[in-house]
C-alpha atoms as a PDB file:
ATOM      1  CA  MET A   1      27.565  19.191 -14.325  1.00  0.00           C
ATOM      2  CA  SER A   2      26.131  17.300 -17.265  1.00  0.00           C
ATOM      3  CA  ALA A   3      22.821  18.525 -18.634  1.00  0.00           C
ATOM      4  CA  ALA A   4      21.730  14.871 -18.777  1.00  0.00           C
ATOM      5  CA  ARG A   5      21.703  14.609 -14.997  1.00  0.00           C
ATOM      6  CA  ARG A   6      18.356  14.718 -13.203  1.00  0.00           C
ATOM      7  CA  THR A   7      18.364  14.793  -9.436  1.00  0.00           C
ATOM      8  CA  ILE A   8      15.251  13.301  -7.872  1.00  0.00           C
ATOM      9  CA  VAL A   9      13.395  15.777  -5.658  1.00  0.00           C
ATOM     10  CA  LYS A  10      11.505  14.592  -2.588  1.00  0.00           C
ATOM     11  CA  VAL A  11       9.259  16.934  -0.634  1.00  0.00           C
ATOM     12  CA  CYS A  12       8.623  15.355   2.749  1.00  0.00           C
ATOM     13  CA  GLY A  13       6.462  15.921   5.800  1.00  0.00           C
ATOM     14  CA  ILE A  14       3.318  16.431   3.729  1.00  0.00           C
ATOM     15  CA  THR A  15       0.098  16.546   5.715  1.00  0.00           C
ATOM     16  CA  ARG A  16      -2.373  18.093   3.259  1.00  0.00           C
ATOM     17  CA  LEU A  17      -3.609  17.358  -0.251  1.00  0.00           C
ATOM     18  CA  THR A  18      -3.082  21.022  -1.140  1.00  0.00           C
ATOM     19  CA  ASP A  19       0.614  20.815  -0.311  1.00  0.00           C
ATOM     20  CA  ALA A  20       1.053  17.521  -2.148  1.00  0.00           C
ATOM     21  CA  ALA A  21      -0.544  18.985  -5.273  1.00  0.00           C
ATOM     22  CA  ILE A  22       1.666  22.085  -5.087  1.00  0.00           C
ATOM     23  CA  ALA A  23       4.787  19.933  -4.791  1.00  0.00           C
ATOM     24  CA  LEU A  24       3.824  17.882  -7.842  1.00  0.00           C
ATOM     25  CA  GLU A  25       2.941  20.991  -9.830  1.00  0.00           C
ATOM     26  CA  ALA A  26       6.352  22.441  -8.952  1.00  0.00           C
ATOM     27  CA  GLY A  27       8.011  19.315 -10.346  1.00  0.00           C
ATOM     28  CA  ALA A  28       8.746  17.190  -7.275  1.00  0.00           C
ATOM     29  CA  ASP A  29       9.300  13.506  -8.034  1.00  0.00           C
ATOM     30  CA  TRP A  30       8.526  11.926  -4.671  1.00  0.00           C
ATOM     31  CA  LEU A  31       6.090  12.930  -1.918  1.00  0.00           C
ATOM     32  CA  GLY A  32       7.051  11.968   1.626  1.00  0.00           C
ATOM     33  CA  PHE A  33       4.559  11.244   4.394  1.00  0.00           C
ATOM     34  CA  ILE A  34       5.380  10.587   8.052  1.00  0.00           C
ATOM     35  CA  VAL A  35       3.340   7.477   8.693  1.00  0.00           C
ATOM     36  CA  ASN A  36       4.575   6.085  12.002  1.00  0.00           C
ATOM     37  CA  ALA A  37       7.876   7.855  12.750  1.00  0.00           C
ATOM     38  CA  GLY A  38       6.317  10.277  15.237  1.00  0.00           C
ATOM     39  CA  GLY A  39       6.363  14.059  15.462  1.00  0.00           C
ATOM     40  CA  PRO A  40       3.831  16.755  14.569  1.00  0.00           C
ATOM     41  CA  ARG A  41       3.814  15.853  10.847  1.00  0.00           C
ATOM     42  CA  GLN A  42       2.676  12.265  11.367  1.00  0.00           C
ATOM     43  CA  ILE A  43      -0.532  11.500   9.461  1.00  0.00           C
ATOM     44  CA  GLY A  44      -0.685   7.696   9.543  1.00  0.00           C
ATOM     45  CA  ALA A  45      -1.255   5.217   6.767  1.00  0.00           C
ATOM     46  CA  ALA A  46      -4.889   6.201   6.285  1.00  0.00           C
ATOM     47  CA  GLY A  47      -4.001   9.880   5.972  1.00  0.00           C
ATOM     48  CA  MET A  48      -1.338   9.139   3.365  1.00  0.00           C
ATOM     49  CA  ALA A  49      -3.696   6.887   1.423  1.00  0.00           C
ATOM     50  CA  ALA A  50      -6.426   9.525   1.391  1.00  0.00           C
ATOM     51  CA  ILE A  51      -4.103  12.095  -0.173  1.00  0.00           C
ATOM     52  CA  LEU A  52      -2.650   9.700  -2.746  1.00  0.00           C
ATOM     53  CA  ARG A  53      -6.098   8.587  -3.893  1.00  0.00           C
ATOM     54  CA  SER A  54      -6.576  12.120  -5.214  1.00  0.00           C
ATOM     55  CA  LEU A  55      -3.209  12.112  -7.006  1.00  0.00           C
ATOM     56  CA  PRO A  56      -3.111   9.136  -9.379  1.00  0.00           C
ATOM     57  CA  GLY A  57       0.411   8.213 -10.401  1.00  0.00           C
ATOM     58  CA  ALA A  58       2.123  10.141  -7.600  1.00  0.00           C
ATOM     59  CA  VAL A  59       5.112   8.432  -5.989  1.00  0.00           C
ATOM     60  CA  GLY A  60       4.362   8.329  -2.276  1.00  0.00           C
ATOM     61  CA  VAL A  61       7.138   7.577   0.201  1.00  0.00           C
ATOM     62  CA  ALA A  62       5.997   6.260   3.576  1.00  0.00           C
ATOM     63  CA  VAL A  63       8.379   7.265   6.362  1.00  0.00           C
ATOM     64  CA  LEU A  64       8.494   4.538   9.004  1.00  0.00           C
ATOM     65  CA  ALA A  65      10.507   3.889  12.149  1.00  0.00           C
ATOM     66  CA  ARG A  66      11.284   0.747  14.130  1.00  0.00           C
ATOM     67  CA  VAL A  67       9.254  -1.665  12.011  1.00  0.00           C
ATOM     68  CA  THR A  68       9.771  -5.249  10.931  1.00  0.00           C
ATOM     69  CA  PRO A  69       9.722  -6.137   7.232  1.00  0.00           C
ATOM     70  CA  GLN A  70       6.289  -7.712   7.558  1.00  0.00           C
ATOM     71  CA  ALA A  71       4.844  -4.701   9.363  1.00  0.00           C
ATOM     72  CA  ALA A  72       6.436  -2.355   6.824  1.00  0.00           C
ATOM     73  CA  LEU A  73       4.868  -4.253   3.941  1.00  0.00           C
ATOM     74  CA  GLU A  74       1.435  -4.177   5.554  1.00  0.00           C
ATOM     75  CA  ILE A  75       1.714  -0.432   6.196  1.00  0.00           C
ATOM     76  CA  ALA A  76       2.932   0.216   2.652  1.00  0.00           C
ATOM     77  CA  ARG A  77      -0.109  -1.550   1.240  1.00  0.00           C
ATOM     78  CA  GLU A  78      -2.499   0.304   3.524  1.00  0.00           C
ATOM     79  CA  ALA A  79      -0.901   3.670   2.755  1.00  0.00           C
ATOM     80  CA  GLY A  80      -0.602   3.128  -0.997  1.00  0.00           C
ATOM     81  CA  ALA A  81       3.144   3.739  -0.745  1.00  0.00           C
ATOM     82  CA  THR A  82       5.389   3.317  -3.776  1.00  0.00           C
ATOM     83  CA  ARG A  83       8.547   3.509  -1.680  1.00  0.00           C
ATOM     84  CA  LEU A  84       9.606   3.341   1.989  1.00  0.00           C
ATOM     85  CA  GLN A  85      12.011   5.464   4.017  1.00  0.00           C
ATOM     86  CA  LEU A  86      13.123   3.539   7.087  1.00  0.00           C
ATOM     87  CA  HIS A  87      14.539   4.918  10.326  1.00  0.00           C
ATOM     88  CA  HIS A  88      15.976   2.799  13.146  1.00  0.00           C
ATOM     89  CA  CYS A  89      15.561  -0.436  11.207  1.00  0.00           C
ATOM     90  CA  ASP A  90      18.231  -3.088  10.750  1.00  0.00           C
ATOM     91  CA  ALA A  91      19.039  -2.908   7.045  1.00  0.00           C
ATOM     92  CA  LEU A  92      21.376  -5.890   7.318  1.00  0.00           C
ATOM     93  CA  ALA A  93      18.443  -8.063   8.357  1.00  0.00           C
ATOM     94  CA  TRP A  94      16.091  -6.706   5.683  1.00  0.00           C
ATOM     95  CA  PRO A  95      15.216  -8.974   2.739  1.00  0.00           C
ATOM     96  CA  ALA A  96      17.147  -8.062  -0.399  1.00  0.00           C
ATOM     97  CA  ASP A  97      14.084  -8.991  -2.458  1.00  0.00           C
ATOM     98  CA  PHE A  98      11.641  -6.875  -0.427  1.00  0.00           C
ATOM     99  CA  PRO A  99       8.861  -5.955  -2.886  1.00  0.00           C
ATOM    100  CA  VAL A 100       8.806  -2.211  -2.101  1.00  0.00           C
ATOM    101  CA  PRO A 101      11.958  -0.114  -2.756  1.00  0.00           C
ATOM    102  CA  CYS A 102      13.508   1.035   0.526  1.00  0.00           C
ATOM    103  CA  ALA A 103      15.840   3.821   1.595  1.00  0.00           C
ATOM    104  CA  PHE A 104      17.502   3.283   4.965  1.00  0.00           C
ATOM    105  CA  VAL A 105      18.438   6.413   6.880  1.00  0.00           C
ATOM    106  CA  THR A 106      21.934   6.766   8.299  1.00  0.00           C
ATOM    107  CA  GLY A 107      22.408   9.687  10.664  1.00  0.00           C
ATOM    108  CA  VAL A 108      25.429  11.927  10.093  1.00  0.00           C
ATOM    109  CA  ASP A 109      26.573  14.308  12.828  1.00  0.00           C
ATOM    110  CA  VAL A 110      27.535  17.938  12.327  1.00  0.00           C
ATOM    111  CA  GLU A 111      31.172  16.882  11.989  1.00  0.00           C
ATOM    112  CA  GLY A 112      30.271  14.626   9.068  1.00  0.00           C
ATOM    113  CA  VAL A 113      30.612  11.291  10.876  1.00  0.00           C
ATOM    114  CA  ALA A 114      28.090   8.549  10.072  1.00  0.00           C
ATOM    115  CA  HIS A 115      26.459   6.976  13.133  1.00  0.00           C
ATOM    116  CA  ALA A 116      25.519   3.606  11.623  1.00  0.00           C
ATOM    117  CA  PRO A 117      26.559   1.223   8.873  1.00  0.00           C
ATOM    118  CA  LEU A 118      25.165   1.848   5.407  1.00  0.00           C
ATOM    119  CA  ALA A 119      22.344  -0.300   4.100  1.00  0.00           C
ATOM    120  CA  PRO A 120      23.596  -2.975   1.705  1.00  0.00           C
ATOM    121  CA  ALA A 121      22.601  -2.949  -1.945  1.00  0.00           C
ATOM    122  CA  PRO A 122      20.046  -3.041  -3.463  1.00  0.00           C
ATOM    123  CA  HIS A 123      18.614  -0.757  -0.788  1.00  0.00           C
ATOM    124  CA  LEU A 124      19.101   2.987  -1.146  1.00  0.00           C
ATOM    125  CA  VAL A 125      21.201   4.941   1.360  1.00  0.00           C
ATOM    126  CA  HIS A 126      19.614   8.059   2.855  1.00  0.00           C
ATOM    127  CA  LEU A 127      21.919  10.459   4.725  1.00  0.00           C
ATOM    128  CA  ASP A 128      20.324  12.895   7.172  1.00  0.00           C
ATOM    129  CA  THR A 129      21.596  14.973  10.042  1.00  0.00           C
ATOM    130  CA  ALA A 130      21.632  12.945  13.236  1.00  0.00           C
ATOM    131  CA  HIS A 131      19.602  14.233  16.188  1.00  0.00           C
ATOM    132  CA  ALA A 132      19.289  12.902  19.726  1.00  0.00           C
ATOM    133  CA  THR A 133      15.486  12.811  19.674  1.00  0.00           C
ATOM    134  CA  LEU A 134      14.143  13.780  16.230  1.00  0.00           C
ATOM    135  CA  THR A 135      13.789  11.148  13.510  1.00  0.00           C
ATOM    136  CA  GLY A 136      13.995  13.770  10.739  1.00  0.00           C
ATOM    137  CA  GLY A 137      13.032  17.318   9.874  1.00  0.00           C
ATOM    138  CA  THR A 138      15.849  18.791  11.947  1.00  0.00           C
ATOM    139  CA  GLY A 139      16.444  21.691   9.555  1.00  0.00           C
ATOM    140  CA  VAL A 140      20.184  21.283  10.163  1.00  0.00           C
ATOM    141  CA  SER A 141      22.819  20.383   7.566  1.00  0.00           C
ATOM    142  CA  PHE A 142      25.932  18.270   7.904  1.00  0.00           C
ATOM    143  CA  PRO A 143      29.122  18.878   5.845  1.00  0.00           C
ATOM    144  CA  TRP A 144      28.018  17.915   2.337  1.00  0.00           C
ATOM    145  CA  THR A 145      31.533  17.176   1.131  1.00  0.00           C
ATOM    146  CA  ARG A 146      31.643  14.284   3.613  1.00  0.00           C
ATOM    147  CA  ALA A 147      28.751  12.514   1.891  1.00  0.00           C
ATOM    148  CA  ARG A 148      30.818  10.975  -0.890  1.00  0.00           C
ATOM    149  CA  GLU A 149      33.459   9.890   1.600  1.00  0.00           C
ATOM    150  CA  ILE A 150      30.718   8.012   3.446  1.00  0.00           C
ATOM    151  CA  VAL A 151      28.905   6.400   0.509  1.00  0.00           C
ATOM    152  CA  GLY A 152      31.624   6.160  -2.148  1.00  0.00           C
ATOM    153  CA  GLU A 153      30.079   5.942  -5.605  1.00  0.00           C
ATOM    154  CA  ARG A 154      26.735   4.569  -4.445  1.00  0.00           C
ATOM    155  CA  PRO A 155      23.564   6.509  -5.229  1.00  0.00           C
ATOM    156  CA  PHE A 156      22.078   8.110  -2.127  1.00  0.00           C
ATOM    157  CA  VAL A 157      19.491  10.552  -0.849  1.00  0.00           C
ATOM    158  CA  LEU A 158      20.766  13.755   0.745  1.00  0.00           C
ATOM    159  CA  ALA A 159      18.697  15.411   3.475  1.00  0.00           C
ATOM    160  CA  GLY A 160      19.148  17.828   6.341  1.00  0.00           C
ATOM    161  CA  GLY A 161      18.485  21.563   6.241  1.00  0.00           C
ATOM    162  CA  LEU A 162      18.008  21.816   2.481  1.00  0.00           C
ATOM    163  CA  ASP A 163      16.002  24.551   0.780  1.00  0.00           C
ATOM    164  CA  GLY A 164      16.110  26.719  -2.310  1.00  0.00           C
ATOM    165  CA  SER A 165      18.971  28.816  -0.989  1.00  0.00           C
ATOM    166  CA  ASN A 166      21.481  26.003  -0.501  1.00  0.00           C
ATOM    167  CA  VAL A 167      20.416  22.886  -2.418  1.00  0.00           C
ATOM    168  CA  ALA A 168      22.443  23.770  -5.523  1.00  0.00           C
ATOM    169  CA  ARG A 169      25.611  23.997  -3.431  1.00  0.00           C
ATOM    170  CA  ALA A 170      24.722  20.723  -1.750  1.00  0.00           C
ATOM    171  CA  ILE A 171      24.293  18.980  -5.105  1.00  0.00           C
ATOM    172  CA  GLU A 172      27.579  20.354  -6.375  1.00  0.00           C
ATOM    173  CA  ALA A 173      29.390  19.180  -3.243  1.00  0.00           C
ATOM    174  CA  ALA A 174      27.798  15.751  -2.842  1.00  0.00           C
ATOM    175  CA  ARG A 175      26.359  14.678  -6.230  1.00  0.00           C
ATOM    176  CA  PRO A 176      23.377  12.859  -4.705  1.00  0.00           C
ATOM    177  CA  HIS A 177      20.871  10.693  -6.525  1.00  0.00           C
ATOM    178  CA  ALA A 178      18.062  12.515  -4.733  1.00  0.00           C
ATOM    179  CA  VAL A 179      17.529  15.454  -2.376  1.00  0.00           C
ATOM    180  CA  ASP A 180      14.951  15.599   0.390  1.00  0.00           C
ATOM    181  CA  ALA A 181      13.503  18.593   2.233  1.00  0.00           C
ATOM    182  CA  ALA A 182      10.770  18.983   4.818  1.00  0.00           C
ATOM    183  CA  SER A 183      10.934  21.566   7.599  1.00  0.00           C
ATOM    184  CA  LYS A 184      12.769  24.216   5.563  1.00  0.00           C
ATOM    185  CA  LEU A 185       9.881  24.296   3.077  1.00  0.00           C
ATOM    186  CA  GLU A 186       7.215  25.115   5.651  1.00  0.00           C
ATOM    187  CA  ALA A 187       5.182  28.172   6.563  1.00  0.00           C
ATOM    188  CA  SER A 188       4.427  26.500   9.902  1.00  0.00           C
ATOM    189  CA  ILE A 189       4.873  22.991  11.248  1.00  0.00           C
ATOM    190  CA  GLY A 190       3.260  20.560   8.824  1.00  0.00           C
ATOM    191  CA  ILE A 191       2.106  23.298   6.436  1.00  0.00           C
ATOM    192  CA  LYS A 192       4.141  23.887   3.292  1.00  0.00           C
ATOM    193  CA  ASP A 193       4.976  27.352   1.933  1.00  0.00           C
ATOM    194  CA  PRO A 194       4.219  27.160  -1.810  1.00  0.00           C
ATOM    195  CA  ASP A 195       6.945  29.643  -2.735  1.00  0.00           C
ATOM    196  CA  LYS A 196       9.579  27.748  -0.749  1.00  0.00           C
ATOM    197  CA  VAL A 197       8.560  24.490  -2.397  1.00  0.00           C
ATOM    198  CA  ARG A 198       8.749  26.006  -5.866  1.00  0.00           C
ATOM    199  CA  ARG A 199      12.103  27.661  -5.203  1.00  0.00           C
ATOM    200  CA  PHE A 200      13.522  24.391  -3.897  1.00  0.00           C
ATOM    201  CA  VAL A 201      12.497  22.379  -6.947  1.00  0.00           C
ATOM    202  CA  ALA A 202      13.555  25.135  -9.339  1.00  0.00           C
ATOM    203  CA  ALA A 203      16.988  25.370  -7.721  1.00  0.00           C
ATOM    204  CA  VAL A 204      17.513  21.636  -8.175  1.00  0.00           C
ATOM    205  CA  ARG A 205      16.517  21.754 -11.831  1.00  0.00           C
ATOM    206  CA  GLU A 206      18.760  24.735 -12.496  1.00  0.00           C
ATOM    207  CA  SER A 207      21.650  22.932 -10.829  1.00  0.00           C
ATOM    208  CA  ASP A 208      21.079  19.873 -13.001  1.00  0.00           C
ATOM    209  CA  GLU A 209      21.423  21.987 -16.149  1.00  0.00           C
ATOM    210  CA  ARG A 210      24.865  23.335 -15.233  1.00  0.00           C
END
């Protein structure tokens, strides 16, 4: 892999300022916050905004589910979000000129089959392991080699069961634009393990240099 490559690293499911600061110190590019997608890691727009106010310049990704474009924009402004990650939203009906960059999540089952159409450009595609009830944070991977068959040459975010032990293999297999991890980097639900976060980021950077 070319030394010029730099895979974007997103650490998601952040609930505490301490964990956000550790992720940035480790070299993460994007911080993900569950704003309205449900689950034990949800902190709401106000919680996300409070953390980002203490981290000037940080790229905060608000994770939203089942929202309209207008509602998403209002939440993004309240949360101080730089980007949005959208679950269960109709990407085909989303404005192409939406003022906040969006990644639309497409679920992929354990056989490597996508469960929904991909978001059209200019929106970013985000592939994650499909689950019957969970929006994300499943801790389960899908076959990484299927990713490029699904997206072609488009840039995309790869998620699902990634951590420091397997992310280099995932990057080699799928060549994603960005990688995203949440539950595999935790000491307990919603609480990050600093060593796991650092190992994850370090593994990505080492892979990029190969």
